């Protein structure tokens, strides 16, 4: 059973920084890509950033230049460095993973709250 464990959320003032981490449990499957999504109250879940096992990254336009996604493949961990945070970044952030052996399955973490005060 794959598990994703997130950490690093919290309350920060606008302009501040936070770093999220997500560790995938050990499994016999190989990670294809990991990413971060977020969902604000009353809104749909949206992609924030993703990274493939080869290191290719993708960002939502709203976070480009402020957020950086990185990964440690050996530790099966993905990070999201969030700088210059804005109140509109307030949301529950979810870690997501896809595995080569199960491309049709979305694995999700439990979510971590990020609140940016103005």
C-alpha atoms as a PDB file:
ATOM      1  CA  UNK A   1       0.000   0.000   0.000  1.00  0.00           C
ATOM      2  CA  UNK A   2       1.462   3.327  -1.082  1.00  0.00           C
ATOM      3  CA  UNK A   3       1.323   6.136   1.455  1.00  0.00           C
ATOM      4  CA  UNK A   4       2.278   9.765   1.019  1.00  0.00           C
ATOM      5  CA  UNK A   5       3.093  11.725   4.159  1.00  0.00           C
ATOM      6  CA  UNK A   6       3.183  15.497   3.949  1.00  0.00           C
ATOM      7  CA  UNK A   7       4.658  18.042   6.323  1.00  0.00           C
ATOM      8  CA  UNK A   8       5.598  21.698   6.458  1.00  0.00           C
ATOM      9  CA  UNK A   9       2.326  23.572   6.233  1.00  0.00           C
ATOM     10  CA  UNK A  10       1.404  26.393   8.566  1.00  0.00           C
ATOM     11  CA  UNK A  11       0.566  30.042   8.983  1.00  0.00           C
ATOM     12  CA  UNK A  12       2.787  32.704   7.445  1.00  0.00           C
ATOM     13  CA  UNK A  13       2.519  36.386   6.653  1.00  0.00           C
ATOM     14  CA  UNK A  14       2.330  37.610   3.088  1.00  0.00           C
ATOM     15  CA  UNK A  15       5.794  37.749   1.582  1.00  0.00           C
ATOM     16  CA  UNK A  16       7.019  34.921   3.739  1.00  0.00           C
ATOM     17  CA  UNK A  17       8.195  31.432   2.849  1.00  0.00           C
ATOM     18  CA  UNK A  18       7.292  27.849   3.623  1.00  0.00           C
ATOM     19  CA  UNK A  19       8.718  24.527   2.553  1.00  0.00           C
ATOM     20  CA  UNK A  20       6.497  21.500   2.088  1.00  0.00           C
ATOM     21  CA  UNK A  21       7.788  17.933   2.079  1.00  0.00           C
ATOM     22  CA  UNK A  22       6.150  14.725   0.962  1.00  0.00           C
ATOM     23  CA  UNK A  23       7.648  11.308   1.549  1.00  0.00           C
ATOM     24  CA  UNK A  24       6.357   8.240  -0.270  1.00  0.00           C
ATOM     25  CA  UNK A  25       6.404   4.943   1.545  1.00  0.00           C
ATOM     26  CA  UNK A  26       8.704   2.234   0.309  1.00  0.00           C
ATOM     27  CA  UNK A  27       7.110   0.061  -2.321  1.00  0.00           C
ATOM     28  CA  UNK A  28       8.027  -2.264  -5.134  1.00  0.00           C
ATOM     29  CA  UNK A  29       6.700   0.314  -7.586  1.00  0.00           C
ATOM     30  CA  UNK A  30       8.839   2.961  -9.300  1.00  0.00           C
ATOM     31  CA  UNK A  31       7.806   6.599  -9.138  1.00  0.00           C
ATOM     32  CA  UNK A  32       7.093   8.215 -12.496  1.00  0.00           C
ATOM     33  CA  UNK A  33       6.181  11.652 -11.241  1.00  0.00           C
ATOM     34  CA  UNK A  34       5.224  13.500  -8.083  1.00  0.00           C
ATOM     35  CA  UNK A  35       3.513  16.791  -7.640  1.00  0.00           C
ATOM     36  CA  UNK A  36       1.637  19.238  -5.482  1.00  0.00           C
ATOM     37  CA  UNK A  37      -1.969  20.283  -5.874  1.00  0.00           C
ATOM     38  CA  UNK A  38      -3.979  22.715  -3.807  1.00  0.00           C
ATOM     39  CA  UNK A  39      -7.610  23.307  -3.039  1.00  0.00           C
ATOM     40  CA  UNK A  40      -8.980  26.518  -1.614  1.00  0.00           C
ATOM     41  CA  UNK A  41     -12.461  26.668  -0.033  1.00  0.00           C
ATOM     42  CA  UNK A  42     -15.133  26.613  -2.694  1.00  0.00           C
ATOM     43  CA  UNK A  43     -12.662  25.987  -5.488  1.00  0.00           C
ATOM     44  CA  UNK A  44     -11.546  22.982  -7.468  1.00  0.00           C
ATOM     45  CA  UNK A  45      -8.285  21.240  -6.785  1.00  0.00           C
ATOM     46  CA  UNK A  46      -5.577  22.598  -9.062  1.00  0.00           C
ATOM     47  CA  UNK A  47      -2.066  21.614 -10.018  1.00  0.00           C
ATOM     48  CA  UNK A  48       0.633  23.737  -8.417  1.00  0.00           C
ATOM     49  CA  UNK A  49       3.797  21.989  -9.614  1.00  0.00           C
ATOM     50  CA  UNK A  50       5.001  18.588 -10.709  1.00  0.00           C
ATOM     51  CA  UNK A  51       8.311  16.857 -11.322  1.00  0.00           C
ATOM     52  CA  UNK A  52       9.115  13.668 -13.185  1.00  0.00           C
ATOM     53  CA  UNK A  53      11.673  11.069 -12.187  1.00  0.00           C
ATOM     54  CA  UNK A  54      13.873  12.540 -14.908  1.00  0.00           C
ATOM     55  CA  UNK A  55      13.707  15.987 -13.363  1.00  0.00           C
ATOM     56  CA  UNK A  56      11.317  17.729 -15.733  1.00  0.00           C
ATOM     57  CA  UNK A  57       9.174  20.290 -13.945  1.00  0.00           C
ATOM     58  CA  UNK A  58       5.874  21.977 -14.605  1.00  0.00           C
ATOM     59  CA  UNK A  59       4.344  24.931 -12.769  1.00  0.00           C
ATOM     60  CA  UNK A  60       1.024  26.701 -12.642  1.00  0.00           C
ATOM     61  CA  UNK A  61       1.346  30.205 -14.060  1.00  0.00           C
ATOM     62  CA  UNK A  62       0.262  31.682 -10.743  1.00  0.00           C
ATOM     63  CA  UNK A  63       3.323  30.299  -8.911  1.00  0.00           C
ATOM     64  CA  UNK A  64       6.044  30.568 -11.533  1.00  0.00           C
ATOM     65  CA  UNK A  65       9.047  32.441 -10.200  1.00  0.00           C
ATOM     66  CA  UNK A  66       7.884  32.043  -6.598  1.00  0.00           C
ATOM     67  CA  UNK A  67       7.646  28.284  -6.010  1.00  0.00           C
ATOM     68  CA  UNK A  68      10.255  25.635  -6.701  1.00  0.00           C
ATOM     69  CA  UNK A  69       9.636  21.900  -6.780  1.00  0.00           C
ATOM     70  CA  UNK A  70      12.463  19.445  -6.242  1.00  0.00           C
ATOM     71  CA  UNK A  71      12.862  15.805  -5.411  1.00  0.00           C
ATOM     72  CA  UNK A  72      15.168  13.287  -3.818  1.00  0.00           C
ATOM     73  CA  UNK A  73      14.564  10.125  -5.819  1.00  0.00           C
ATOM     74  CA  UNK A  74      16.568   7.942  -3.470  1.00  0.00           C
ATOM     75  CA  UNK A  75      14.394   9.016  -0.533  1.00  0.00           C
ATOM     76  CA  UNK A  76      11.215   9.112  -2.633  1.00  0.00           C
ATOM     77  CA  UNK A  77      10.592  12.615  -1.354  1.00  0.00           C
ATOM     78  CA  UNK A  78       9.353  15.709  -3.093  1.00  0.00           C
ATOM     79  CA  UNK A  79       9.662  19.263  -1.821  1.00  0.00           C
ATOM     80  CA  UNK A  80       7.891  22.508  -2.586  1.00  0.00           C
ATOM     81  CA  UNK A  81       9.741  25.679  -1.656  1.00  0.00           C
ATOM     82  CA  UNK A  82       7.233  28.515  -1.568  1.00  0.00           C
ATOM     83  CA  UNK A  83       8.549  32.065  -1.495  1.00  0.00           C
ATOM     84  CA  UNK A  84       6.845  35.444  -1.718  1.00  0.00           C
ATOM     85  CA  UNK A  85       3.628  33.892  -0.507  1.00  0.00           C
ATOM     86  CA  UNK A  86       0.362  35.696  -1.146  1.00  0.00           C
ATOM     87  CA  UNK A  87      -3.006  35.435   0.614  1.00  0.00           C
ATOM     88  CA  UNK A  88      -4.380  33.798  -2.528  1.00  0.00           C
ATOM     89  CA  UNK A  89      -1.952  30.908  -1.978  1.00  0.00           C
ATOM     90  CA  UNK A  90      -4.022  29.923   1.060  1.00  0.00           C
ATOM     91  CA  UNK A  91      -5.290  26.386   0.536  1.00  0.00           C
ATOM     92  CA  UNK A  92      -4.898  22.774   1.530  1.00  0.00           C
ATOM     93  CA  UNK A  93      -1.904  21.414  -0.345  1.00  0.00           C
ATOM     94  CA  UNK A  94      -1.945  17.794  -1.432  1.00  0.00           C
ATOM     95  CA  UNK A  95       0.939  15.639  -2.531  1.00  0.00           C
ATOM     96  CA  UNK A  96       0.332  13.425  -5.558  1.00  0.00           C
ATOM     97  CA  UNK A  97       2.280  10.516  -7.008  1.00  0.00           C
ATOM     98  CA  UNK A  98       2.143   8.344 -10.096  1.00  0.00           C
ATOM     99  CA  UNK A  99       3.936   5.072 -10.523  1.00  0.00           C
ATOM    100  CA  UNK A 100       5.169   3.463 -13.747  1.00  0.00           C
ATOM    101  CA  UNK A 101       3.527   0.166 -12.871  1.00  0.00           C
ATOM    102  CA  UNK A 102       0.136   1.768 -12.164  1.00  0.00           C
ATOM    103  CA  UNK A 103      -0.248   4.792 -14.451  1.00  0.00           C
ATOM    104  CA  UNK A 104      -4.035   4.796 -14.063  1.00  0.00           C
ATOM    105  CA  UNK A 105      -3.906   5.357 -10.291  1.00  0.00           C
ATOM    106  CA  UNK A 106      -3.628   8.683  -8.480  1.00  0.00           C
ATOM    107  CA  UNK A 107      -2.072   8.456  -5.036  1.00  0.00           C
ATOM    108  CA  UNK A 108      -2.757  11.314  -2.641  1.00  0.00           C
ATOM    109  CA  UNK A 109      -1.465  12.512   0.670  1.00  0.00           C
ATOM    110  CA  UNK A 110      -3.752  13.634   3.477  1.00  0.00           C
ATOM    111  CA  UNK A 111      -3.187  17.322   2.772  1.00  0.00           C
ATOM    112  CA  UNK A 112      -1.487  20.082   4.702  1.00  0.00           C
ATOM    113  CA  UNK A 113      -2.964  23.517   5.380  1.00  0.00           C
ATOM    114  CA  UNK A 114      -1.119  26.606   4.196  1.00  0.00           C
ATOM    115  CA  UNK A 115      -2.523  29.916   5.391  1.00  0.00           C
ATOM    116  CA  UNK A 116      -1.086  33.233   4.267  1.00  0.00           C
ATOM    117  CA  UNK A 117      -2.229  36.283   6.194  1.00  0.00           C
ATOM    118  CA  UNK A 118      -2.274  39.745   4.688  1.00  0.00           C
END
